[in-house]
Amino acid sequence: MEDPRWSVQDAKNRFSEVVEAAREKPQTVTKHGKRAVVVVAAEEYDRLKKLEKQKAITFNEHLLNMPKGGGTFERMKTRLRETSF
């Protein structure tokens, strides 16, 4: 089932209603007939952010996923930075 849709103008005029409705289920706001944003309850946003963080790869995992088998990497053609030792 598709989220309820509000035009930007309707959402501005009835913002309190949009907020109240978003506590029950996400509310889509459209601009020029196209989806622009989705308003969700704070708890749902927090849940999604936590889920995103759990799926994020750690630096160690990134290193372990590097190609193996003696492959070579192309060196960047940049000047070394100056140091003042």
N, C-alpha and C. Protein backbone atom coordinates (compact mmCIF):
# COMPACT_ATOMS: atom_id res chain seq x y z
N MET A 1 0.83 -1.18 0.00
CA MET A 1 0.00 0.00 0.00
C MET A 1 0.88 1.24 0.00
N GLU A 2 0.52 2.22 -0.78
CA GLU A 2 1.30 3.44 -0.93
C GLU A 2 1.05 4.40 0.23
N ASP A 3 2.09 5.14 0.61
CA ASP A 3 1.95 6.14 1.67
C ASP A 3 0.96 7.22 1.25
N PRO A 4 0.25 7.80 2.21
CA PRO A 4 -0.61 8.94 1.89
C PRO A 4 0.22 10.08 1.30
N ARG A 5 -0.35 10.81 0.35
CA ARG A 5 0.38 11.88 -0.34
C ARG A 5 -0.22 13.24 -0.02
N TRP A 6 0.66 14.21 0.15
CA TRP A 6 0.28 15.59 0.39
C TRP A 6 1.08 16.45 -0.59
N SER A 7 0.44 17.44 -1.19
CA SER A 7 1.21 18.41 -1.97
C SER A 7 1.96 19.28 -0.97
N VAL A 8 3.00 19.95 -1.43
CA VAL A 8 3.76 20.83 -0.54
C VAL A 8 2.82 21.88 0.06
N GLN A 9 1.96 22.45 -0.76
CA GLN A 9 1.05 23.49 -0.27
C GLN A 9 0.12 22.94 0.81
N ASP A 10 -0.47 21.75 0.56
CA ASP A 10 -1.34 21.14 1.58
C ASP A 10 -0.56 20.82 2.85
N ALA A 11 0.65 20.30 2.70
CA ALA A 11 1.47 19.96 3.86
C ALA A 11 1.79 21.21 4.68
N LYS A 12 2.06 22.33 3.99
CA LYS A 12 2.34 23.58 4.71
C LYS A 12 1.09 24.06 5.45
N ASN A 13 -0.03 24.01 4.77
CA ASN A 13 -1.28 24.50 5.37
C ASN A 13 -1.79 23.62 6.50
N ARG A 14 -1.45 22.33 6.44
CA ARG A 14 -1.99 21.37 7.41
C ARG A 14 -0.87 20.59 8.09
N PHE A 15 0.21 21.30 8.41
CA PHE A 15 1.41 20.65 8.93
C PHE A 15 1.13 19.83 10.19
N SER A 16 0.33 20.35 11.09
CA SER A 16 0.01 19.59 12.31
C SER A 16 -0.63 18.25 11.98
N GLU A 17 -1.50 18.24 10.96
CA GLU A 17 -2.14 16.99 10.54
C GLU A 17 -1.12 16.03 9.94
N VAL A 18 -0.19 16.58 9.17
CA VAL A 18 0.86 15.73 8.58
C VAL A 18 1.68 15.08 9.69
N VAL A 19 2.06 15.86 10.69
CA VAL A 19 2.85 15.34 11.81
C VAL A 19 2.08 14.25 12.55
N GLU A 20 0.84 14.51 12.86
CA GLU A 20 0.02 13.52 13.57
C GLU A 20 -0.13 12.24 12.75
N ALA A 21 -0.38 12.39 11.45
CA ALA A 21 -0.53 11.21 10.58
C ALA A 21 0.77 10.43 10.48
N ALA A 22 1.92 11.15 10.48
CA ALA A 22 3.23 10.50 10.36
C ALA A 22 3.55 9.66 11.58
N ARG A 23 2.91 9.94 12.70
CA ARG A 23 3.13 9.12 13.89
C ARG A 23 2.55 7.72 13.69
N GLU A 24 1.58 7.60 12.79
CA GLU A 24 0.94 6.31 12.51
C GLU A 24 1.61 5.60 11.34
N LYS A 25 1.89 6.35 10.26
CA LYS A 25 2.55 5.77 9.09
C LYS A 25 3.20 6.89 8.28
N PRO A 26 4.23 6.59 7.50
CA PRO A 26 4.94 7.62 6.73
C PRO A 26 3.99 8.40 5.82
N GLN A 27 4.29 9.70 5.68
CA GLN A 27 3.49 10.59 4.84
C GLN A 27 4.39 11.14 3.74
N THR A 28 3.98 10.97 2.48
CA THR A 28 4.75 11.46 1.34
C THR A 28 4.30 12.86 0.98
N VAL A 29 5.27 13.75 0.79
CA VAL A 29 4.99 15.12 0.34
C VAL A 29 5.51 15.24 -1.08
N THR A 30 4.65 15.72 -1.98
CA THR A 30 5.01 15.84 -3.39
C THR A 30 5.22 17.30 -3.78
N LYS A 31 6.09 17.50 -4.76
CA LYS A 31 6.33 18.83 -5.31
C LYS A 31 6.26 18.68 -6.82
N HIS A 32 5.38 19.43 -7.43
CA HIS A 32 5.13 19.34 -8.88
C HIS A 32 4.76 17.91 -9.28
N GLY A 33 4.00 17.24 -8.41
CA GLY A 33 3.50 15.91 -8.70
C GLY A 33 4.48 14.78 -8.48
N LYS A 34 5.71 15.10 -8.06
CA LYS A 34 6.73 14.07 -7.83
C LYS A 34 7.06 14.00 -6.35
N ARG A 35 7.38 12.79 -5.87
CA ARG A 35 7.77 12.63 -4.47
C ARG A 35 8.95 13.53 -4.15
N ALA A 36 8.84 14.29 -3.06
CA ALA A 36 9.93 15.17 -2.64
C ALA A 36 10.54 14.69 -1.33
N VAL A 37 9.69 14.44 -0.33
CA VAL A 37 10.17 13.98 0.97
C VAL A 37 9.14 13.03 1.57
N VAL A 38 9.58 12.28 2.57
CA VAL A 38 8.69 11.43 3.34
C VAL A 38 8.84 11.82 4.79
N VAL A 39 7.73 12.12 5.45
CA VAL A 39 7.73 12.48 6.86
C VAL A 39 7.46 11.21 7.66
N VAL A 40 8.36 10.90 8.59
CA VAL A 40 8.19 9.69 9.41
C VAL A 40 8.27 10.07 10.88
N ALA A 41 7.74 9.23 11.73
CA ALA A 41 7.81 9.43 13.17
C ALA A 41 9.27 9.38 13.62
N ALA A 42 9.59 10.12 14.67
CA ALA A 42 10.96 10.17 15.19
C ALA A 42 11.47 8.79 15.56
N GLU A 43 10.61 7.97 16.14
CA GLU A 43 11.02 6.61 16.53
C GLU A 43 11.40 5.78 15.31
N GLU A 44 10.66 5.94 14.23
CA GLU A 44 10.97 5.21 12.99
C GLU A 44 12.29 5.69 12.41
N TYR A 45 12.52 6.99 12.42
CA TYR A 45 13.77 7.55 11.93
C TYR A 45 14.94 7.00 12.75
N ASP A 46 14.80 7.00 14.08
CA ASP A 46 15.86 6.46 14.95
C ASP A 46 16.12 4.99 14.66
N ARG A 47 15.06 4.22 14.43
CA ARG A 47 15.20 2.80 14.11
C ARG A 47 15.97 2.62 12.81
N LEU A 48 15.64 3.43 11.80
CA LEU A 48 16.31 3.32 10.51
C LEU A 48 17.78 3.72 10.60
N LYS A 49 18.09 4.76 11.37
CA LYS A 49 19.48 5.18 11.54
C LYS A 49 20.29 4.09 12.25
N LYS A 50 19.69 3.47 13.26
CA LYS A 50 20.37 2.40 14.00
C LYS A 50 20.63 1.22 13.06
N LEU A 51 19.65 0.87 12.25
CA LEU A 51 19.80 -0.23 11.29
C LEU A 51 20.90 0.08 10.28
N GLU A 52 20.92 1.31 9.80
CA GLU A 52 21.95 1.73 8.85
C GLU A 52 23.34 1.60 9.47
N LYS A 53 23.47 2.00 10.73
CA LYS A 53 24.76 1.93 11.41
C LYS A 53 25.19 0.48 11.61
N GLN A 54 24.24 -0.40 11.91
CA GLN A 54 24.56 -1.81 12.11
C GLN A 54 25.06 -2.46 10.82
N LYS A 55 24.58 -1.98 9.68
CA LYS A 55 24.98 -2.56 8.40
C LYS A 55 26.28 -1.97 7.88
N ALA A 56 26.74 -0.87 8.47
CA ALA A 56 27.96 -0.22 8.01
C ALA A 56 29.16 -1.12 8.23
N ILE A 57 30.03 -1.17 7.28
CA ILE A 57 31.23 -2.00 7.35
C ILE A 57 32.28 -1.28 8.21
N THR A 58 32.98 -2.02 9.04
CA THR A 58 34.03 -1.44 9.89
C THR A 58 35.30 -1.26 9.07
N PHE A 59 36.23 -0.45 9.60
CA PHE A 59 37.50 -0.25 8.92
C PHE A 59 38.25 -1.57 8.78
N ASN A 60 38.23 -2.40 9.81
CA ASN A 60 38.89 -3.71 9.74
C ASN A 60 38.29 -4.57 8.63
N GLU A 61 36.96 -4.58 8.54
CA GLU A 61 36.30 -5.35 7.48
C GLU A 61 36.70 -4.82 6.10
N HIS A 62 36.81 -3.50 6.01
CA HIS A 62 37.23 -2.89 4.74
C HIS A 62 38.62 -3.38 4.35
N LEU A 63 39.55 -3.38 5.30
CA LEU A 63 40.90 -3.86 5.02
C LEU A 63 40.91 -5.33 4.64
N LEU A 64 40.12 -6.13 5.34
CA LEU A 64 40.08 -7.56 5.04
C LEU A 64 39.45 -7.85 3.68
N ASN A 65 38.66 -6.94 3.16
CA ASN A 65 38.02 -7.13 1.85
C ASN A 65 38.89 -6.68 0.69
N MET A 66 40.08 -6.18 0.97
CA MET A 66 40.97 -5.71 -0.11
C MET A 66 41.40 -6.90 -0.97
N PRO A 67 41.65 -6.65 -2.24
CA PRO A 67 42.07 -7.74 -3.14
C PRO A 67 43.34 -8.41 -2.65
N LYS A 68 43.39 -9.70 -2.82
CA LYS A 68 44.56 -10.48 -2.42
C LYS A 68 45.18 -11.11 -3.67
N GLY A 69 46.31 -11.71 -3.51
CA GLY A 69 46.90 -12.47 -4.61
C GLY A 69 48.00 -11.74 -5.35
N GLY A 70 48.65 -10.78 -4.70
CA GLY A 70 49.81 -10.14 -5.33
C GLY A 70 49.46 -9.08 -6.35
N GLY A 71 48.24 -8.62 -6.37
CA GLY A 71 47.85 -7.56 -7.31
C GLY A 71 48.60 -6.27 -7.01
N THR A 72 48.69 -5.42 -8.01
CA THR A 72 49.38 -4.15 -7.81
C THR A 72 48.37 -3.02 -7.85
N PHE A 73 48.74 -1.94 -7.21
CA PHE A 73 47.90 -0.75 -7.18
C PHE A 73 48.61 0.36 -7.92
N GLU A 74 47.87 1.12 -8.69
CA GLU A 74 48.46 2.24 -9.41
C GLU A 74 48.73 3.36 -8.43
N ARG A 75 49.94 3.93 -8.50
CA ARG A 75 50.30 5.02 -7.61
C ARG A 75 49.68 6.32 -8.09
N MET A 76 49.26 7.14 -7.16
CA MET A 76 48.72 8.43 -7.52
C MET A 76 49.86 9.35 -7.95
N LYS A 77 49.61 10.16 -8.95
CA LYS A 77 50.63 11.07 -9.45
C LYS A 77 50.45 12.43 -8.79
N THR A 78 50.86 12.52 -7.53
CA THR A 78 50.77 13.77 -6.78
C THR A 78 52.10 14.05 -6.12
N ARG A 79 52.32 15.34 -5.83
CA ARG A 79 53.55 15.70 -5.13
C ARG A 79 53.42 15.32 -3.67
N LEU A 80 54.52 14.93 -3.09
CA LEU A 80 54.55 14.67 -1.66
C LEU A 80 54.44 15.99 -0.93
N ARG A 81 53.83 15.97 0.22
CA ARG A 81 53.67 17.22 0.95
C ARG A 81 54.97 17.58 1.66
N GLU A 82 55.15 18.86 1.87
CA GLU A 82 56.33 19.37 2.57
C GLU A 82 56.15 19.17 4.06
N THR A 83 57.22 18.82 4.74
CA THR A 83 57.17 18.71 6.20
C THR A 83 58.18 19.69 6.78
N SER A 84 57.94 20.12 7.96
CA SER A 84 58.87 21.09 8.59
C SER A 84 59.49 20.48 9.85
N PHE A 85 60.37 19.53 9.61
CA PHE A 85 61.06 18.90 10.75
C PHE A 85 62.42 19.49 10.92
